[in-house]
C-alpha atoms as a PDB file:
ATOM      1  CA  MET A   1      -9.199   7.833  17.466  1.00  0.00           C
ATOM      2  CA  ILE A   2      -7.761   9.465  14.328  1.00  0.00           C
ATOM      3  CA  LEU A   3      -4.315   8.127  13.373  1.00  0.00           C
ATOM      4  CA  SER A   4      -1.843  10.030  11.215  1.00  0.00           C
ATOM      5  CA  GLY A   5       1.748   9.216  10.347  1.00  0.00           C
ATOM      6  CA  SER A   6       3.813   7.009   8.064  1.00  0.00           C
ATOM      7  CA  HIS A   7       6.830   4.700   8.137  1.00  0.00           C
ATOM      8  CA  ILE A   8      10.120   5.442   9.910  1.00  0.00           C
ATOM      9  CA  ASP A   9      12.303   3.234   7.683  1.00  0.00           C
ATOM     10  CA  THR A  10      13.535   3.816   4.157  1.00  0.00           C
ATOM     11  CA  VAL A  11      15.596   1.881   1.629  1.00  0.00           C
ATOM     12  CA  VAL A  12      19.360   1.425   1.755  1.00  0.00           C
ATOM     13  CA  ASN A  13      20.991   4.624   0.447  1.00  0.00           C
ATOM     14  CA  GLY A  14      17.593   6.329   0.409  1.00  0.00           C
ATOM     15  CA  GLY A  15      16.515   9.893   1.090  1.00  0.00           C
ATOM     16  CA  ASN A  16      15.292  11.672   4.213  1.00  0.00           C
ATOM     17  CA  LEU A  17      11.673  12.355   3.210  1.00  0.00           C
ATOM     18  CA  ASP A  18      10.259   8.952   2.262  1.00  0.00           C
ATOM     19  CA  GLY A  19       8.019   7.990   5.174  1.00  0.00           C
ATOM     20  CA  GLN A  20       9.647  10.226   7.767  1.00  0.00           C
ATOM     21  CA  PHE A  21       8.030  13.365   6.347  1.00  0.00           C
ATOM     22  CA  GLY A  22       4.594  11.897   7.064  1.00  0.00           C
ATOM     23  CA  ILE A  23       5.482  11.332  10.716  1.00  0.00           C
ATOM     24  CA  GLU A  24       6.948  14.801  11.216  1.00  0.00           C
ATOM     25  CA  ALA A  25       4.047  16.402   9.346  1.00  0.00           C
ATOM     26  CA  ALA A  26       1.527  14.618  11.580  1.00  0.00           C
ATOM     27  CA  TYR A  27       3.356  15.845  14.678  1.00  0.00           C
ATOM     28  CA  LEU A  28       3.460  19.437  13.395  1.00  0.00           C
ATOM     29  CA  ALA A  29      -0.182  19.401  12.304  1.00  0.00           C
ATOM     30  CA  ILE A  30      -1.446  17.988  15.599  1.00  0.00           C
ATOM     31  CA  LYS A  31       0.786  20.326  17.620  1.00  0.00           C
ATOM     32  CA  HIS A  32      -0.669  23.291  15.707  1.00  0.00           C
ATOM     33  CA  LEU A  33      -4.238  22.087  16.240  1.00  0.00           C
ATOM     34  CA  LYS A  34      -3.715  21.575  19.980  1.00  0.00           C
ATOM     35  CA  GLU A  35      -2.106  24.987  20.437  1.00  0.00           C
ATOM     36  CA  THR A  36      -4.740  26.747  18.327  1.00  0.00           C
ATOM     37  CA  TYR A  37      -7.980  24.951  19.171  1.00  0.00           C
ATOM     38  CA  GLY A  38      -7.297  23.012  22.365  1.00  0.00           C
ATOM     39  CA  ALA A  39      -8.495  19.469  22.965  1.00  0.00           C
ATOM     40  CA  PRO A  40     -10.290  17.756  20.048  1.00  0.00           C
ATOM     41  CA  LEU A  41     -13.614  15.936  20.138  1.00  0.00           C
ATOM     42  CA  ARG A  42     -11.852  12.799  18.930  1.00  0.00           C
ATOM     43  CA  THR A  43      -8.346  11.802  20.001  1.00  0.00           C
ATOM     44  CA  LEU A  44      -5.524  12.425  17.523  1.00  0.00           C
ATOM     45  CA  GLU A  45      -2.530  10.094  17.513  1.00  0.00           C
ATOM     46  CA  VAL A  46       0.811  10.359  15.689  1.00  0.00           C
ATOM     47  CA  ILE A  47       2.011   6.971  14.521  1.00  0.00           C
ATOM     48  CA  SER A  48       5.490   5.836  13.420  1.00  0.00           C
ATOM     49  CA  LEU A  49       5.413   2.528  11.555  1.00  0.00           C
ATOM     50  CA  ALA A  50       8.278   0.020  11.301  1.00  0.00           C
ATOM     51  CA  GLU A  51       9.555  -2.036   8.363  1.00  0.00           C
ATOM     52  CA  GLU A  52       7.304  -0.743   5.603  1.00  0.00           C
ATOM     53  CA  GLU A  53       9.970  -1.104   2.923  1.00  0.00           C
ATOM     54  CA  GLY A  54      11.326  -4.548   3.736  1.00  0.00           C
ATOM     55  CA  SER A  55      14.833  -3.246   3.013  1.00  0.00           C
ATOM     56  CA  ARG A  56      16.585  -4.990   5.905  1.00  0.00           C
ATOM     57  CA  PHE A  57      14.387  -8.075   6.143  1.00  0.00           C
ATOM     58  CA  PRO A  58      12.325  -9.659   3.332  1.00  0.00           C
ATOM     59  CA  TYR A  59       9.015  -8.730   4.958  1.00  0.00           C
ATOM     60  CA  VAL A  60       7.003  -5.577   4.336  1.00  0.00           C
ATOM     61  CA  PHE A  61       4.460  -3.544   6.359  1.00  0.00           C
ATOM     62  CA  TRP A  62       5.398  -5.152   9.698  1.00  0.00           C
ATOM     63  CA  GLY A  63       4.213  -2.131  11.718  1.00  0.00           C
ATOM     64  CA  SER A  64       0.876  -1.542  10.023  1.00  0.00           C
ATOM     65  CA  LYS A  65       0.124  -5.272   9.764  1.00  0.00           C
ATOM     66  CA  ASN A  66       0.603  -5.628  13.522  1.00  0.00           C
ATOM     67  CA  ILE A  67      -1.850  -2.832  14.204  1.00  0.00           C
ATOM     68  CA  ILE A  68      -4.637  -4.323  12.111  1.00  0.00           C
ATOM     69  CA  GLY A  69      -3.781  -7.915  13.050  1.00  0.00           C
ATOM     70  CA  SER A  70      -2.578  -9.488   9.807  1.00  0.00           C
ATOM     71  CA  ALA A  71       1.088  -9.917  10.812  1.00  0.00           C
ATOM     72  CA  ARG A  72       1.928 -13.544  11.525  1.00  0.00           C
ATOM     73  CA  PRO A  73       4.877 -14.360  13.821  1.00  0.00           C
ATOM     74  CA  GLU A  74       5.540 -17.640  11.992  1.00  0.00           C
ATOM     75  CA  GLU A  75       6.238 -15.681   8.790  1.00  0.00           C
ATOM     76  CA  VAL A  76       9.227 -13.837  10.301  1.00  0.00           C
ATOM     77  CA  LYS A  77      10.763 -16.308  12.759  1.00  0.00           C
ATOM     78  CA  SER A  78      13.121 -17.809  10.187  1.00  0.00           C
ATOM     79  CA  ILE A  79      14.052 -14.753   8.115  1.00  0.00           C
ATOM     80  CA  CYS A  80      17.410 -12.964   8.409  1.00  0.00           C
ATOM     81  CA  ASP A  81      19.008  -9.805   7.081  1.00  0.00           C
ATOM     82  CA  ALA A  82      22.038  -9.675   4.766  1.00  0.00           C
ATOM     83  CA  LYS A  83      24.377 -10.051   7.767  1.00  0.00           C
ATOM     84  CA  GLY A  84      22.599 -13.142   9.019  1.00  0.00           C
ATOM     85  CA  VAL A  85      20.811 -11.415  11.900  1.00  0.00           C
ATOM     86  CA  ASN A  86      17.485 -13.073  12.636  1.00  0.00           C
ATOM     87  CA  PHE A  87      14.337 -10.914  12.557  1.00  0.00           C
ATOM     88  CA  VAL A  88      13.214 -11.994  16.033  1.00  0.00           C
ATOM     89  CA  ASP A  89      16.675 -11.427  17.539  1.00  0.00           C
ATOM     90  CA  ALA A  90      16.790  -7.928  16.045  1.00  0.00           C
ATOM     91  CA  MET A  91      13.323  -7.207  17.421  1.00  0.00           C
ATOM     92  CA  HIS A  92      14.297  -8.390  20.911  1.00  0.00           C
ATOM     93  CA  SER A  93      17.555  -6.403  20.876  1.00  0.00           C
ATOM     94  CA  ALA A  94      15.523  -3.269  20.153  1.00  0.00           C
ATOM     95  CA  GLY A  95      13.299  -3.964  23.160  1.00  0.00           C
ATOM     96  CA  PHE A  96      10.272  -5.323  21.312  1.00  0.00           C
ATOM     97  CA  ASP A  97       8.424  -8.623  21.217  1.00  0.00           C
ATOM     98  CA  PHE A  98       5.438 -10.202  19.512  1.00  0.00           C
ATOM     99  CA  ARG A  99       2.002  -9.028  20.583  1.00  0.00           C
ATOM    100  CA  PRO A 100       0.658 -11.364  23.297  1.00  0.00           C
ATOM    101  CA  GLN A 101      -2.031 -13.638  21.871  1.00  0.00           C
ATOM    102  CA  ASP A 102      -4.470 -12.592  24.591  1.00  0.00           C
ATOM    103  CA  GLN A 103      -3.970  -8.885  23.845  1.00  0.00           C
ATOM    104  CA  PRO A 104      -6.998  -7.629  21.888  1.00  0.00           C
ATOM    105  CA  LEU A 105      -6.544  -5.846  18.586  1.00  0.00           C
ATOM    106  CA  ARG A 106      -7.231  -2.141  18.468  1.00  0.00           C
ATOM    107  CA  LYS A 107     -10.876  -1.316  17.853  1.00  0.00           C
ATOM    108  CA  ASP A 108     -10.600   2.414  18.511  1.00  0.00           C
ATOM    109  CA  ILE A 109      -9.302   3.560  15.111  1.00  0.00           C
ATOM    110  CA  ALA A 110     -11.882   5.673  13.288  1.00  0.00           C
ATOM    111  CA  ALA A 111      -9.615   6.773  10.417  1.00  0.00           C
ATOM    112  CA  PHE A 112      -6.033   6.741   9.154  1.00  0.00           C
ATOM    113  CA  VAL A 113      -4.597   9.751   7.303  1.00  0.00           C
ATOM    114  CA  GLU A 114      -1.175   9.501   5.631  1.00  0.00           C
ATOM    115  CA  LEU A 115       0.851  12.298   4.045  1.00  0.00           C
ATOM    116  CA  HIS A 116       3.730  11.208   1.797  1.00  0.00           C
ATOM    117  CA  ILE A 117       5.997  12.435  -0.964  1.00  0.00           C
ATOM    118  CA  GLU A 118       4.792  11.397  -4.417  1.00  0.00           C
ATOM    119  CA  GLN A 119       7.997   9.591  -5.452  1.00  0.00           C
ATOM    120  CA  GLY A 120       7.119  10.395  -9.053  1.00  0.00           C
ATOM    121  CA  LYS A 121       6.998  13.473 -11.281  1.00  0.00           C
ATOM    122  CA  VAL A 122       3.284  13.842 -12.107  1.00  0.00           C
ATOM    123  CA  LEU A 123       2.557  16.622  -9.606  1.00  0.00           C
ATOM    124  CA  GLU A 124       5.695  18.594 -10.470  1.00  0.00           C
ATOM    125  CA  THR A 125       5.121  18.201 -14.219  1.00  0.00           C
ATOM    126  CA  GLU A 126       1.525  19.393 -13.961  1.00  0.00           C
ATOM    127  CA  GLY A 127       2.301  22.182 -11.509  1.00  0.00           C
ATOM    128  CA  LYS A 128       0.161  20.729  -8.716  1.00  0.00           C
ATOM    129  CA  THR A 129       0.942  21.141  -5.027  1.00  0.00           C
ATOM    130  CA  ILE A 130      -1.225  18.380  -3.569  1.00  0.00           C
ATOM    131  CA  GLY A 131      -2.152  14.943  -4.881  1.00  0.00           C
ATOM    132  CA  ILE A 132      -5.169  13.201  -3.364  1.00  0.00           C
ATOM    133  CA  VAL A 133      -4.624   9.469  -3.725  1.00  0.00           C
ATOM    134  CA  THR A 134      -7.672   7.663  -5.113  1.00  0.00           C
ATOM    135  CA  SER A 135      -6.190   4.167  -4.975  1.00  0.00           C
ATOM    136  CA  ILE A 136      -2.974   2.223  -4.542  1.00  0.00           C
ATOM    137  CA  VAL A 137      -2.089  -0.033  -7.449  1.00  0.00           C
ATOM    138  CA  GLY A 138      -2.243  -3.786  -7.393  1.00  0.00           C
ATOM    139  CA  GLN A 139       1.059  -5.565  -7.974  1.00  0.00           C
ATOM    140  CA  ARG A 140       2.063  -8.938  -9.373  1.00  0.00           C
ATOM    141  CA  ARG A 141       5.727  -9.890  -9.069  1.00  0.00           C
ATOM    142  CA  TYR A 142       7.454 -12.890 -10.579  1.00  0.00           C
ATOM    143  CA  ASP A 143      10.749 -14.746 -10.364  1.00  0.00           C
ATOM    144  CA  ILE A 144      11.354 -16.428 -13.714  1.00  0.00           C
ATOM    145  CA  LYS A 145      14.091 -18.921 -14.572  1.00  0.00           C
ATOM    146  CA  LEU A 146      15.091 -19.952 -18.085  1.00  0.00           C
ATOM    147  CA  LYS A 147      17.157 -23.090 -18.633  1.00  0.00           C
ATOM    148  CA  GLY A 148      18.818 -23.679 -21.982  1.00  0.00           C
ATOM    149  CA  GLU A 149      22.271 -25.005 -22.735  1.00  0.00           C
ATOM    150  CA  ALA A 150      25.630 -23.376 -22.038  1.00  0.00           C
ATOM    151  CA  ASN A 151      28.006 -23.915 -24.951  1.00  0.00           C
ATOM    152  CA  HIS A 152      31.086 -22.640 -26.738  1.00  0.00           C
ATOM    153  CA  ALA A 153      30.521 -19.160 -28.211  1.00  0.00           C
ATOM    154  CA  GLY A 154      32.760 -19.841 -31.194  1.00  0.00           C
ATOM    155  CA  THR A 155      31.857 -23.375 -32.209  1.00  0.00           C
ATOM    156  CA  THR A 156      28.082 -23.392 -31.672  1.00  0.00           C
ATOM    157  CA  PRO A 157      26.222 -22.185 -34.800  1.00  0.00           C
ATOM    158  CA  MET A 158      23.435 -19.679 -34.187  1.00  0.00           C
ATOM    159  CA  GLY A 159      20.741 -22.119 -35.259  1.00  0.00           C
ATOM    160  CA  TYR A 160      21.872 -24.770 -32.778  1.00  0.00           C
ATOM    161  CA  ARG A 161      21.860 -22.624 -29.668  1.00  0.00           C
ATOM    162  CA  LYS A 162      19.594 -22.707 -26.604  1.00  0.00           C
ATOM    163  CA  ASP A 163      20.500 -19.161 -25.605  1.00  0.00           C
ATOM    164  CA  THR A 164      18.569 -17.982 -22.541  1.00  0.00           C
ATOM    165  CA  VAL A 165      19.618 -14.342 -22.927  1.00  0.00           C
ATOM    166  CA  TYR A 166      18.179 -14.339 -26.434  1.00  0.00           C
ATOM    167  CA  ALA A 167      14.976 -15.865 -25.041  1.00  0.00           C
ATOM    168  CA  PHE A 168      14.883 -13.215 -22.321  1.00  0.00           C
ATOM    169  CA  SER A 169      15.430 -10.444 -24.859  1.00  0.00           C
ATOM    170  CA  ARG A 170      12.436 -11.645 -26.884  1.00  0.00           C
ATOM    171  CA  ILE A 171      10.300 -11.861 -23.737  1.00  0.00           C
ATOM    172  CA  CYS A 172      11.408  -8.398 -22.640  1.00  0.00           C
ATOM    173  CA  CYS A 173      10.826  -6.686 -25.982  1.00  0.00           C
ATOM    174  CA  GLU A 174       7.439  -8.293 -26.660  1.00  0.00           C
ATOM    175  CA  SER A 175       6.205  -7.651 -23.114  1.00  0.00           C
ATOM    176  CA  ILE A 176       7.237  -4.002 -23.030  1.00  0.00           C
ATOM    177  CA  ALA A 177       5.665  -3.395 -26.445  1.00  0.00           C
ATOM    178  CA  LYS A 178       2.445  -4.958 -25.163  1.00  0.00           C
ATOM    179  CA  ALA A 179       2.596  -2.821 -21.993  1.00  0.00           C
ATOM    180  CA  LYS A 180       3.000   0.357 -24.040  1.00  0.00           C
ATOM    181  CA  ALA A 181       0.050  -0.641 -26.203  1.00  0.00           C
ATOM    182  CA  GLU A 182      -2.046  -1.283 -23.074  1.00  0.00           C
ATOM    183  CA  GLY A 183      -1.305   2.260 -21.898  1.00  0.00           C
ATOM    184  CA  ASP A 184      -1.483   4.037 -18.547  1.00  0.00           C
ATOM    185  CA  PRO A 185      -1.800   3.311 -15.702  1.00  0.00           C
ATOM    186  CA  LEU A 186      -0.244  -0.109 -16.382  1.00  0.00           C
ATOM    187  CA  VAL A 187       3.505  -0.336 -15.797  1.00  0.00           C
ATOM    188  CA  LEU A 188       5.811  -3.295 -16.408  1.00  0.00           C
ATOM    189  CA  THR A 189       9.408  -3.636 -15.211  1.00  0.00           C
ATOM    190  CA  PHE A 190      12.164  -6.209 -15.671  1.00  0.00           C
ATOM    191  CA  GLY A 191      14.248  -5.028 -12.737  1.00  0.00           C
ATOM    192  CA  LYS A 192      16.757  -7.838 -12.273  1.00  0.00           C
ATOM    193  CA  VAL A 193      18.495 -10.008 -14.866  1.00  0.00           C
ATOM    194  CA  GLU A 194      21.160 -12.612 -14.031  1.00  0.00           C
ATOM    195  CA  PRO A 195      22.591 -14.690 -16.889  1.00  0.00           C
ATOM    196  CA  LYS A 196      24.936 -17.605 -16.212  1.00  0.00           C
ATOM    197  CA  PRO A 197      27.755 -18.355 -16.595  1.00  0.00           C
ATOM    198  CA  ASN A 198      27.961 -14.648 -17.490  1.00  0.00           C
ATOM    199  CA  THR A 199      31.234 -14.810 -19.333  1.00  0.00           C
ATOM    200  CA  VAL A 200      32.279 -13.450 -22.708  1.00  0.00           C
ATOM    201  CA  ASN A 201      32.865 -16.683 -24.616  1.00  0.00           C
ATOM    202  CA  VAL A 202      30.022 -18.915 -23.421  1.00  0.00           C
ATOM    203  CA  VAL A 203      26.452 -19.062 -24.729  1.00  0.00           C
ATOM    204  CA  PRO A 204      24.360 -18.373 -21.596  1.00  0.00           C
ATOM    205  CA  GLY A 205      22.548 -21.543 -20.577  1.00  0.00           C
ATOM    206  CA  PHE A 206      20.630 -20.105 -17.628  1.00  0.00           C
ATOM    207  CA  THR A 207      18.957 -16.759 -16.973  1.00  0.00           C
ATOM    208  CA  HIS A 208      17.040 -15.644 -13.900  1.00  0.00           C
ATOM    209  CA  PHE A 209      14.978 -12.460 -14.117  1.00  0.00           C
ATOM    210  CA  THR A 210      12.191 -10.648 -12.306  1.00  0.00           C
ATOM    211  CA  LEU A 211       8.985  -9.133 -13.618  1.00  0.00           C
ATOM    212  CA  ASP A 212       6.943  -6.471 -11.806  1.00  0.00           C
ATOM    213  CA  CYS A 213       3.530  -5.440 -13.178  1.00  0.00           C
ATOM    214  CA  ARG A 214       1.140  -2.889 -11.636  1.00  0.00           C
ATOM    215  CA  HIS A 215      -2.320  -1.513 -12.401  1.00  0.00           C
ATOM    216  CA  THR A 216      -5.177   0.170 -10.552  1.00  0.00           C
ATOM    217  CA  ASP A 217      -7.752  -2.327 -11.871  1.00  0.00           C
ATOM    218  CA  LYS A 218      -7.644  -5.912 -10.592  1.00  0.00           C
ATOM    219  CA  ALA A 219      -9.225  -7.509 -13.672  1.00  0.00           C
ATOM    220  CA  THR A 220      -6.907  -5.694 -16.082  1.00  0.00           C
ATOM    221  CA  LEU A 221      -3.839  -6.612 -14.036  1.00  0.00           C
ATOM    222  CA  LEU A 222      -4.846 -10.281 -13.991  1.00  0.00           C
ATOM    223  CA  ARG A 223      -5.677 -10.401 -17.704  1.00  0.00           C
ATOM    224  CA  PHE A 224      -2.479  -8.670 -18.772  1.00  0.00           C
ATOM    225  CA  THR A 225      -0.135 -10.759 -16.623  1.00  0.00           C
ATOM    226  CA  GLN A 226      -1.816 -13.974 -17.739  1.00  0.00           C
ATOM    227  CA  GLU A 227      -1.186 -12.898 -21.333  1.00  0.00           C
ATOM    228  CA  ILE A 228       2.478 -12.249 -20.498  1.00  0.00           C
ATOM    229  CA  GLU A 229       2.772 -15.671 -18.848  1.00  0.00           C
ATOM    230  CA  ALA A 230       1.352 -17.287 -21.997  1.00  0.00           C
ATOM    231  CA  ASP A 231       3.767 -15.302 -24.182  1.00  0.00           C
ATOM    232  CA  ILE A 232       6.711 -16.474 -22.068  1.00  0.00           C
ATOM    233  CA  GLN A 233       5.624 -20.096 -22.401  1.00  0.00           C
ATOM    234  CA  ARG A 234       5.204 -19.693 -26.179  1.00  0.00           C
ATOM    235  CA  ILE A 235       8.611 -18.078 -26.722  1.00  0.00           C
ATOM    236  CA  CYS A 236      10.380 -20.691 -24.606  1.00  0.00           C
ATOM    237  CA  ALA A 237       8.623 -23.535 -26.430  1.00  0.00           C
ATOM    238  CA  GLU A 238       9.690 -22.073 -29.788  1.00  0.00           C
ATOM    239  CA  MET A 239      13.311 -21.958 -28.601  1.00  0.00           C
ATOM    240  CA  SER A 240      13.380 -25.295 -26.722  1.00  0.00           C
ATOM    241  CA  ILE A 241      14.024 -23.443 -23.463  1.00  0.00           C
ATOM    242  CA  GLU A 242      12.749 -24.783 -20.141  1.00  0.00           C
ATOM    243  CA  VAL A 243      10.956 -22.180 -18.031  1.00  0.00           C
ATOM    244  CA  GLU A 244       9.928 -21.871 -14.395  1.00  0.00           C
ATOM    245  CA  ILE A 245       7.505 -19.054 -13.491  1.00  0.00           C
ATOM    246  CA  ASP A 246       7.031 -18.216  -9.808  1.00  0.00           C
ATOM    247  CA  LEU A 247       4.365 -15.639  -8.903  1.00  0.00           C
ATOM    248  CA  TRP A 248       5.483 -14.566  -5.408  1.00  0.00           C
ATOM    249  CA  MET A 249       3.480 -11.357  -4.927  1.00  0.00           C
ATOM    250  CA  ASP A 250      -0.154 -10.873  -5.860  1.00  0.00           C
ATOM    251  CA  GLU A 251      -1.558  -7.712  -4.253  1.00  0.00           C
ATOM    252  CA  THR A 252      -4.937  -6.373  -5.341  1.00  0.00           C
ATOM    253  CA  PRO A 253      -5.525  -2.634  -5.938  1.00  0.00           C
ATOM    254  CA  ILE A 254      -6.762  -0.821  -2.828  1.00  0.00           C
ATOM    255  CA  PRO A 255      -9.165   2.157  -3.118  1.00  0.00           C
ATOM    256  CA  MET A 256      -9.174   4.950  -0.557  1.00  0.00           C
ATOM    257  CA  ASP A 257     -12.337   5.850   1.375  1.00  0.00           C
ATOM    258  CA  LYS A 258     -14.817   7.754  -0.838  1.00  0.00           C
ATOM    259  CA  GLN A 259     -16.118  10.004   1.948  1.00  0.00           C
ATOM    260  CA  LEU A 260     -12.616  10.972   3.007  1.00  0.00           C
ATOM    261  CA  LEU A 261     -11.640  11.616  -0.618  1.00  0.00           C
ATOM    262  CA  ALA A 262     -14.609  13.967  -0.949  1.00  0.00           C
ATOM    263  CA  CYS A 263     -13.688  15.624   2.349  1.00  0.00           C
ATOM    264  CA  VAL A 264     -10.065  16.302   1.355  1.00  0.00           C
ATOM    265  CA  SER A 265     -10.933  17.513  -2.155  1.00  0.00           C
ATOM    266  CA  HIS A 266     -13.521  19.905  -0.651  1.00  0.00           C
ATOM    267  CA  LEU A 267     -10.902  21.209   1.780  1.00  0.00           C
ATOM    268  CA  CYS A 268      -8.407  21.754  -1.055  1.00  0.00           C
ATOM    269  CA  GLU A 269     -11.006  23.738  -2.986  1.00  0.00           C
ATOM    270  CA  SER A 270     -12.087  25.723   0.085  1.00  0.00           C
ATOM    271  CA  HIS A 271      -8.498  26.720   0.848  1.00  0.00           C
ATOM    272  CA  LYS A 272      -7.678  27.321  -2.839  1.00  0.00           C
ATOM    273  CA  MET A 273      -4.989  24.657  -2.975  1.00  0.00           C
ATOM    274  CA  ASN A 274      -3.701  23.525  -6.357  1.00  0.00           C
ATOM    275  CA  TYR A 275      -4.473  19.804  -6.370  1.00  0.00           C
ATOM    276  CA  ARG A 276      -5.373  16.819  -8.519  1.00  0.00           C
ATOM    277  CA  MET A 277      -6.643  13.294  -7.945  1.00  0.00           C
ATOM    278  CA  ILE A 278      -3.894  10.719  -8.499  1.00  0.00           C
ATOM    279  CA  HIS A 279      -3.301   7.013  -8.041  1.00  0.00           C
ATOM    280  CA  SER A 280      -0.243   5.674  -6.253  1.00  0.00           C
ATOM    281  CA  GLY A 281       2.059   3.447  -8.239  1.00  0.00           C
ATOM    282  CA  ALA A 282       3.966   2.476  -5.086  1.00  0.00           C
ATOM    283  CA  GLY A 283       2.853   0.506  -2.053  1.00  0.00           C
ATOM    284  CA  HIS A 284       2.153   2.316   1.235  1.00  0.00           C
ATOM    285  CA  ASP A 285       0.962   1.569   4.761  1.00  0.00           C
ATOM    286  CA  SER A 286      -2.375   3.078   3.751  1.00  0.00           C
ATOM    287  CA  GLN A 287      -3.109  -0.034   1.680  1.00  0.00           C
ATOM    288  CA  ILE A 288      -2.864  -2.139   4.848  1.00  0.00           C
ATOM    289  CA  PHE A 289      -5.204   0.113   6.835  1.00  0.00           C
ATOM    290  CA  ALA A 290      -7.741   0.791   4.059  1.00  0.00           C
ATOM    291  CA  PRO A 291      -9.552  -2.591   4.045  1.00  0.00           C
ATOM    292  CA  HIS A 292     -10.144  -2.229   7.800  1.00  0.00           C
ATOM    293  CA  VAL A 293     -10.639   1.474   8.614  1.00  0.00           C
ATOM    294  CA  PRO A 294     -11.533   4.570   6.541  1.00  0.00           C
ATOM    295  CA  THR A 295      -8.235   5.711   5.019  1.00  0.00           C
ATOM    296  CA  VAL A 296      -7.061   8.618   2.911  1.00  0.00           C
ATOM    297  CA  MET A 297      -3.632   9.565   1.591  1.00  0.00           C
ATOM    298  CA  MET A 298      -2.139  12.758   0.189  1.00  0.00           C
ATOM    299  CA  PHE A 299       1.028  13.448  -1.813  1.00  0.00           C
ATOM    300  CA  VAL A 300       3.329  16.431  -2.136  1.00  0.00           C
ATOM    301  CA  PRO A 301       5.574  16.778  -5.235  1.00  0.00           C
ATOM    302  CA  SER A 302       8.987  15.139  -5.555  1.00  0.00           C
ATOM    303  CA  ILE A 303      11.574  17.237  -7.399  1.00  0.00           C
ATOM    304  CA  ALA A 304      12.330  15.499 -10.730  1.00  0.00           C
ATOM    305  CA  GLY A 305      10.363  12.530  -9.402  1.00  0.00           C
ATOM    306  CA  ILE A 306      13.448  11.257  -7.568  1.00  0.00           C
ATOM    307  CA  SER A 307      12.996   9.002  -4.531  1.00  0.00           C
ATOM    308  CA  HIS A 308      14.734   6.037  -2.876  1.00  0.00           C
ATOM    309  CA  ASN A 309      17.857   8.101  -3.513  1.00  0.00           C
ATOM    310  CA  PRO A 310      19.930  10.534  -1.387  1.00  0.00           C
ATOM    311  CA  ALA A 311      18.927  13.229  -3.929  1.00  0.00           C
ATOM    312  CA  GLU A 312      15.266  12.861  -2.868  1.00  0.00           C
ATOM    313  CA  LYS A 313      13.915  16.370  -2.307  1.00  0.00           C
ATOM    314  CA  THR A 314      10.712  18.434  -2.158  1.00  0.00           C
ATOM    315  CA  GLU A 315      10.442  22.217  -2.168  1.00  0.00           C
ATOM    316  CA  LEU A 316      10.005  23.606   1.351  1.00  0.00           C
ATOM    317  CA  SER A 317       6.895  25.486   0.241  1.00  0.00           C
ATOM    318  CA  ASP A 318       5.342  22.221  -0.983  1.00  0.00           C
ATOM    319  CA  LEU A 319       6.178  20.469   2.286  1.00  0.00           C
ATOM    320  CA  ALA A 320       4.433  23.319   4.108  1.00  0.00           C
ATOM    321  CA  GLU A 321       1.350  22.993   1.896  1.00  0.00           C
ATOM    322  CA  GLY A 322       1.268  19.294   2.704  1.00  0.00           C
ATOM    323  CA  VAL A 323       1.276  19.999   6.433  1.00  0.00           C
ATOM    324  CA  LYS A 324      -1.520  22.535   5.894  1.00  0.00           C
ATOM    325  CA  ILE A 325      -3.859  20.137   4.087  1.00  0.00           C
ATOM    326  CA  LEU A 326      -3.081  17.483   6.684  1.00  0.00           C
ATOM    327  CA  ALA A 327      -3.961  19.912   9.476  1.00  0.00           C
ATOM    328  CA  HIS A 328      -7.182  20.935   7.714  1.00  0.00           C
ATOM    329  CA  THR A 329      -8.140  17.275   7.285  1.00  0.00           C
ATOM    330  CA  LEU A 330      -7.371  16.333  10.885  1.00  0.00           C
ATOM    331  CA  TYR A 331      -9.304  19.355  12.130  1.00  0.00           C
ATOM    332  CA  GLN A 332     -12.330  18.305  10.104  1.00  0.00           C
ATOM    333  CA  LEU A 333     -12.159  14.741  11.421  1.00  0.00           C
ATOM    334  CA  ALA A 334     -11.321  15.441  15.058  1.00  0.00           C
ATOM    335  CA  TYR A 335     -12.756  18.863  15.910  1.00  0.00           C
ATOM    336  CA  THR A 336     -16.112  18.980  14.108  1.00  0.00           C
ATOM    337  CA  GLU A 337     -19.365  17.115  14.615  1.00  0.00           C
ATOM    338  CA  GLN A 338     -19.536  16.654  10.851  1.00  0.00           C
ATOM    339  CA  GLY A 339     -16.185  14.869  10.955  1.00  0.00           C
ATOM    340  CA  ALA A 340     -17.459  12.538  13.645  1.00  0.00           C
ATOM    341  CA  ARG A 341     -20.167  11.384  11.222  1.00  0.00           C
ATOM    342  CA  LEU A 342     -17.760  10.555   8.393  1.00  0.00           C
END
């Protein structure tokens, strides 16, 4: 069984290509193969995966995790969306339920192939039509809380303050400078900052912020984030600020299957497609499948690198090229004896 598809969900106020393009492309590619070549040697299956983004509920990859058996019912029974709707109630109202414990996991999956928009601007900038994903980055995400002392903005001299925004600004500037010095493919983001009491005439005595760090190499990611943690502790100690560091996501980098990578790159060269090897800086369902079944992923360009946005767009010609390389790959895997040996 060769699976191809992607996720059906996207983020709030997102575009219409993220995830959904991979499902539609798989349908079009398999439809073309059936009409052109008839029945394959190995079954082809289009797959539509739920809750990859975690936009409604704070849980990601629900669909793909259920297929490979790593989803745990106890992890979702208590979670709710922003309107207070429970995950399990929403699942039941849609006609679904947990997989029966006596139902065996699927053992028939020989490969998973995912086509996706890049969600970045590398392919467009370099004039490439296809990106063959070599690996999906590891991620470490933190919630960090700084506790100082709220005080009067006019009567508290600068040297007497325990200003958590100042502490955050030092952490932010030093960390970003260190990330730039480390160089690609490492990326570091402070995506959320919440000072309190957040008013004009009070020294902020509490600041909550997030830190997101990603890299394709596990050892480098661990070393760098440990250095950042030490820097945060040092800065807070120098400023008499209490700090709480919570590492709540620790995902290792996931490589794609080497044989499938060689297969897709050979197909791109054979069909004179303009491609490059590329790593993915975002998470995808492919990272859930890859440790369990041979997996490969391809990108098509995103105009201006825009995604998770209603302006998300890809040139029609690039979408078509994506469907073509997907069809070529699925043909190789499902219609040839050579593919059966991969």
